Amino acid sequence: MGQKIEIIRAAALDGVAHGFLGRTGGASTGIYESLNVGIGSDDIKSDVETNRRRATEAVAPDATLVTVHQVHSPDVVTVTHAFPDSDRPELDAMVTDKPNLALGILTADCAPILLADREAGVIGAAHAGWKGAMTGVAKSVVEAMEELGANRSQIAAAVGPCIGRGSYEVDDEFRKRFEAIEPENEQYFRDGAPGHHYFDLEAYVAAWLAFCGIQTVETLGLDTYTDENRFFSYRRATHRGEPDYGRQLSVIAL
């Protein structure tokens, strides 16, 4: 406790209010220490609300935080106004061209994607776990930004802290699922123990963005699983048999 909020910024999004936040600088204690922003966690509600307010103020002090009920889908919503936390749509990406709306993505190993077309004044944010990434959440958010006037040749994107390849062990069936879609997806796997492989989620998400025509894609290379002091991790909590886990916030605003 007592630590400052860490704001990790991407050079690709320079000039746009944004930040990938870690777990420091919040009010929560115990397994949620300290900047847990997860409404769906079993943390003390007032602490979560305090953390969400602090996190938003640290990145975009004049903005209202908007988050969604993330369900590992490729679906996206165009945000025209802030909606209450109790009325969050169930999907995994948001876009807007309105000022003072802070689009927030919650993660604890999945990949947060923040995007901006500075010239058009359009931003996007997406939550990409393996399922959302595989089914095209990156494509969905880019197309939704274009509908608001963005040009994909001008969109810059950054992929924030997520589980690293060396920490993400999967089985044969998981790998086969990806290779059935596209044989070249084998490049995102490295062999592990017999019947097991290591999956590079960050590289896979970045490749999707490049495939969509995004010319500027920055990956931060930060592993949420191994860096316990900085990040929450669902897989780490699971391996330890902990009853729940915190979530960190990635946010972008005009």
Protein backbone atom coordinates (compact mmCIF):
# COMPACT_ATOMS: atom_id res chain seq x y z
CA MET A 1 0.00 0.00 0.00
CA GLY A 2 1.03 3.59 -0.38
CA GLN A 3 2.45 3.02 -3.83
CA LYS A 4 1.59 5.29 -6.70
CA ILE A 5 -0.54 4.22 -9.62
CA GLU A 6 1.73 2.97 -12.37
CA ILE A 7 0.73 4.20 -15.81
CA ILE A 8 2.36 2.31 -18.68
CA ARG A 9 2.10 4.21 -21.94
CA ALA A 10 2.74 3.18 -25.53
CA ALA A 11 4.77 5.35 -27.88
CA ALA A 12 2.39 4.35 -30.67
CA LEU A 13 -0.39 6.24 -28.88
CA ASP A 14 1.64 9.31 -27.97
CA GLY A 15 -0.56 12.39 -27.78
CA VAL A 16 -3.67 10.40 -26.84
CA ALA A 17 -4.78 10.10 -23.21
CA HIS A 18 -4.22 6.45 -22.43
CA GLY A 19 -2.62 4.07 -20.00
CA PHE A 20 -2.16 0.42 -19.18
CA LEU A 21 -2.39 0.28 -15.39
CA GLY A 22 -0.98 -2.28 -13.02
CA ARG A 23 -2.07 -3.35 -9.56
CA THR A 24 -0.45 -0.59 -7.47
CA GLY A 25 -1.95 2.57 -6.06
CA GLY A 26 -5.34 1.31 -4.95
CA ALA A 27 -7.43 0.80 -1.83
CA SER A 28 -7.93 -2.97 -1.90
CA THR A 29 -6.18 -5.43 0.41
CA GLY A 30 -5.36 -9.12 0.57
CA ILE A 31 -5.38 -10.99 -2.73
CA TYR A 32 -6.83 -7.87 -4.37
CA GLU A 33 -4.00 -5.56 -3.33
CA SER A 34 -4.32 -2.92 -4.40
CA LEU A 35 -5.79 -1.35 -7.59
CA ASN A 36 -8.42 -3.99 -8.31
CA VAL A 37 -11.04 -2.55 -10.68
CA GLY A 38 -13.05 -5.73 -11.16
CA ILE A 39 -16.76 -5.22 -10.49
CA GLY A 40 -17.20 -8.96 -10.92
CA SER A 41 -14.67 -9.82 -8.22
CA ASP A 42 -15.59 -10.56 -4.61
CA ASP A 43 -13.61 -7.57 -3.38
CA ILE A 44 -15.21 -4.90 -1.18
CA LYS A 45 -17.47 -2.91 -3.51
CA SER A 46 -16.51 0.48 -2.12
CA ASP A 47 -12.81 -0.31 -2.60
CA VAL A 48 -13.41 -1.29 -6.22
CA GLU A 49 -15.33 1.93 -6.83
CA THR A 50 -12.50 3.93 -5.25
CA ASN A 51 -9.98 2.14 -7.43
CA ARG A 52 -11.95 2.74 -10.63
CA ARG A 53 -12.22 6.42 -9.80
CA ARG A 54 -8.50 6.74 -9.00
CA ALA A 55 -7.51 4.86 -12.15
CA THR A 56 -9.64 7.03 -14.40
CA GLU A 57 -8.44 10.26 -12.79
CA ALA A 58 -4.83 9.18 -13.25
CA VAL A 59 -5.22 8.84 -17.02
CA ALA A 60 -8.13 11.05 -18.06
CA PRO A 61 -9.22 13.25 -15.14
CA ASP A 62 -12.08 14.91 -17.03
CA ALA A 63 -13.52 11.68 -18.43
CA THR A 64 -16.18 9.23 -17.28
CA LEU A 65 -15.11 5.60 -17.21
CA VAL A 66 -17.07 3.23 -19.46
CA THR A 67 -16.57 -0.54 -19.20
CA VAL A 68 -18.49 -3.52 -20.53
CA HIS A 69 -19.39 -6.97 -19.22
CA GLN A 70 -16.65 -8.90 -21.02
CA VAL A 71 -17.67 -12.33 -22.34
CA HIS A 72 -14.81 -13.37 -24.68
CA SER A 73 -16.71 -12.39 -27.82
CA PRO A 74 -15.77 -10.54 -31.04
CA ASP A 75 -18.63 -8.07 -30.50
CA VAL A 76 -18.25 -4.28 -30.29
CA VAL A 77 -20.41 -1.32 -29.25
CA THR A 78 -20.24 2.32 -30.34
CA VAL A 79 -20.31 4.40 -27.17
CA THR A 80 -22.13 7.73 -27.47
CA HIS A 81 -22.62 8.34 -23.74
CA ALA A 82 -21.63 6.80 -20.44
CA PHE A 83 -23.85 4.00 -19.20
CA PRO A 84 -24.13 2.82 -15.59
CA ASP A 85 -22.05 -0.12 -14.45
CA SER A 86 -25.28 -2.00 -13.73
CA ASP A 87 -26.28 -1.71 -17.41
CA ARG A 88 -23.07 -2.77 -19.12
CA PRO A 89 -23.57 -4.54 -22.47
CA GLU A 90 -22.15 -8.06 -22.76
CA LEU A 91 -19.37 -7.78 -25.32
CA ASP A 92 -15.65 -7.13 -25.56
CA ALA A 93 -14.85 -3.98 -27.53
CA MET A 94 -15.84 -0.33 -27.66
CA VAL A 95 -15.29 2.60 -30.00
CA THR A 96 -16.16 6.29 -29.72
CA ASP A 97 -15.60 9.68 -31.28
CA LYS A 98 -16.96 11.52 -28.25
CA PRO A 99 -14.67 13.42 -25.85
CA ASN A 100 -14.52 12.72 -22.12
CA LEU A 101 -15.46 9.06 -22.38
CA ALA A 102 -12.73 6.80 -20.99
CA LEU A 103 -13.02 3.40 -22.63
CA GLY A 104 -11.81 0.84 -20.11
CA ILE A 105 -10.78 -2.79 -20.58
CA LEU A 106 -10.29 -5.12 -17.61
CA THR A 107 -7.73 -7.92 -17.77
CA ALA A 108 -5.91 -10.46 -15.64
CA ASP A 109 -3.91 -12.32 -18.37
CA CYS A 110 -5.98 -11.57 -21.48
CA ALA A 111 -4.63 -8.93 -23.87
CA PRO A 112 -5.95 -5.36 -23.74
CA ILE A 113 -5.86 -3.49 -27.07
CA LEU A 114 -6.02 0.30 -27.25
CA LEU A 115 -6.39 2.01 -30.64
CA ALA A 116 -6.56 5.57 -31.96
CA ASP A 117 -6.86 7.50 -35.21
CA ARG A 118 -5.66 10.90 -34.04
CA GLU A 119 -6.60 12.71 -37.25
CA ALA A 120 -10.16 11.39 -37.30
CA GLY A 121 -10.61 11.71 -33.54
CA VAL A 122 -11.72 8.10 -33.09
CA ILE A 123 -10.55 5.65 -30.42
CA GLY A 124 -11.17 2.01 -29.62
CA ALA A 125 -10.50 -0.52 -26.88
CA ALA A 126 -10.80 -4.29 -26.92
CA HIS A 127 -10.42 -7.29 -24.62
CA ALA A 128 -8.69 -10.19 -26.38
CA GLY A 129 -8.45 -13.51 -24.65
CA TRP A 130 -7.68 -16.47 -26.87
CA LYS A 131 -11.33 -16.94 -27.81
CA GLY A 132 -12.02 -13.30 -28.66
CA ALA A 133 -8.73 -13.05 -30.53
CA MET A 134 -9.45 -16.18 -32.54
CA THR A 135 -12.96 -15.09 -33.47
CA GLY A 136 -11.89 -11.63 -34.64
CA VAL A 137 -12.37 -9.00 -31.94
CA ALA A 138 -9.46 -7.02 -33.45
CA LYS A 139 -11.21 -6.97 -36.83
CA SER A 140 -14.48 -5.93 -35.22
CA VAL A 141 -13.02 -2.95 -33.38
CA VAL A 142 -11.14 -1.69 -36.45
CA GLU A 143 -14.27 -1.91 -38.62
CA ALA A 144 -16.33 -0.11 -35.97
CA MET A 145 -13.75 2.67 -35.82
CA GLU A 146 -13.99 3.03 -39.60
CA GLU A 147 -17.74 3.44 -39.32
CA LEU A 148 -17.05 6.52 -37.19
CA GLY A 149 -14.73 7.97 -39.81
CA ALA A 150 -11.37 6.44 -38.93
CA ASN A 151 -8.99 5.27 -41.64
CA ARG A 152 -7.27 1.99 -40.85
CA SER A 153 -4.07 3.25 -42.48
CA GLN A 154 -3.98 5.96 -39.81
CA ILE A 155 -4.98 3.83 -36.82
CA ALA A 156 -2.24 3.08 -34.28
CA ALA A 157 -2.66 0.23 -31.82
CA ALA A 158 -0.94 -1.03 -28.70
CA VAL A 159 -1.25 -4.44 -27.03
CA GLY A 160 -0.82 -4.14 -23.29
CA PRO A 161 0.33 -6.43 -20.49
CA CYS A 162 -0.92 -10.00 -20.90
CA ILE A 163 0.22 -13.52 -20.18
CA GLY A 164 3.54 -14.22 -21.91
CA ARG A 165 4.27 -17.21 -24.10
CA GLY A 166 6.58 -18.77 -21.54
CA SER A 167 3.74 -18.74 -19.00
CA TYR A 168 0.88 -19.85 -21.23
CA GLU A 169 0.95 -23.65 -21.46
CA VAL A 170 -1.85 -25.26 -23.47
CA ASP A 171 -2.68 -28.76 -24.68
CA ASP A 172 -2.80 -30.39 -28.12
CA GLU A 173 -6.50 -29.72 -28.60
CA PHE A 174 -6.00 -26.00 -27.99
CA ARG A 175 -3.29 -25.83 -30.64
CA LYS A 176 -5.27 -27.92 -33.14
CA ARG A 177 -8.20 -25.50 -32.80
CA PHE A 178 -6.01 -22.64 -34.04
CA GLU A 179 -4.30 -24.59 -36.80
CA ALA A 180 -7.65 -25.80 -38.12
CA ILE A 181 -8.52 -22.17 -38.81
CA GLU A 182 -5.16 -21.32 -40.37
CA PRO A 183 -2.19 -23.73 -40.59
CA GLU A 184 0.23 -20.81 -40.33
CA ASN A 185 -0.99 -20.29 -36.77
CA GLU A 186 1.56 -22.93 -35.78
CA GLN A 187 4.10 -20.10 -35.57
CA TYR A 188 2.45 -18.84 -32.37
CA PHE A 189 3.18 -22.09 -30.53
CA ARG A 190 6.35 -23.54 -29.06
CA ASP A 191 6.56 -27.17 -27.99
CA GLY A 192 6.59 -27.92 -24.29
CA ALA A 193 6.17 -31.22 -22.46
CA PRO A 194 4.63 -34.09 -24.46
CA GLY A 195 1.12 -33.08 -25.49
CA HIS A 196 1.67 -29.50 -24.39
CA HIS A 197 2.68 -26.25 -26.03
CA TYR A 198 3.30 -22.60 -25.18
CA PHE A 199 1.03 -20.06 -26.86
CA ASP A 200 2.07 -16.50 -27.75
CA LEU A 201 -1.17 -14.58 -27.24
CA GLU A 202 0.47 -11.18 -27.64
CA ALA A 203 2.03 -12.04 -31.00
CA TYR A 204 -1.21 -13.60 -32.21
CA VAL A 205 -3.22 -10.47 -31.35
CA ALA A 206 -0.59 -8.23 -32.98
CA ALA A 207 -0.74 -10.37 -36.12
CA TRP A 208 -4.51 -9.97 -36.28
CA LEU A 209 -4.12 -6.19 -36.10
CA ALA A 210 -1.51 -6.24 -38.87
CA PHE A 211 -3.78 -8.49 -40.95
CA CYS A 212 -6.50 -5.85 -40.54
CA GLY A 213 -4.22 -3.25 -42.10
CA ILE A 214 -2.99 -1.54 -38.95
CA GLN A 215 0.51 -0.38 -39.83
CA THR A 216 1.54 0.79 -36.36
CA VAL A 217 1.20 -1.96 -33.74
CA GLU A 218 3.17 -1.77 -30.51
CA THR A 219 3.50 -4.73 -28.15
CA LEU A 220 4.71 -4.02 -24.63
CA GLY A 221 6.09 -7.49 -23.90
CA LEU A 222 4.95 -7.48 -20.25
CA ASP A 223 3.98 -10.84 -18.74
CA THR A 224 1.15 -10.58 -16.20
CA TYR A 225 1.80 -14.09 -14.85
CA THR A 226 5.45 -13.69 -13.88
CA ASP A 227 5.38 -10.07 -12.68
CA GLU A 228 3.33 -10.48 -9.51
CA ASN A 229 4.32 -7.12 -8.02
CA ARG A 230 2.92 -5.23 -11.00
CA PHE A 231 -0.02 -7.24 -12.34
CA PHE A 232 -2.95 -9.44 -11.44
CA SER A 233 -3.07 -12.86 -13.12
CA TYR A 234 -5.99 -15.26 -13.31
CA ARG A 235 -3.74 -18.20 -14.13
CA ARG A 236 -1.34 -17.45 -11.28
CA ALA A 237 -4.25 -17.22 -8.83
CA THR A 238 -5.64 -20.50 -10.16
CA HIS A 239 -2.30 -22.29 -9.84
CA ARG A 240 -2.09 -21.13 -6.23
CA GLY A 241 -5.62 -22.23 -5.43
CA GLU A 242 -6.69 -18.71 -4.50
CA PRO A 243 -10.46 -18.16 -4.36
CA ASP A 244 -10.51 -15.09 -6.62
CA TYR A 245 -8.31 -12.57 -8.40
CA GLY A 246 -8.07 -8.86 -9.13
CA ARG A 247 -8.32 -7.16 -12.50
CA GLN A 248 -6.25 -4.29 -13.88
CA LEU A 249 -7.47 -1.51 -16.15
CA SER A 250 -6.38 -0.28 -19.57
CA VAL A 251 -7.99 2.99 -20.60
CA ILE A 252 -8.08 5.45 -23.51
CA ALA A 253 -9.95 8.73 -23.94
CA LEU A 254 -10.29 11.69 -26.30
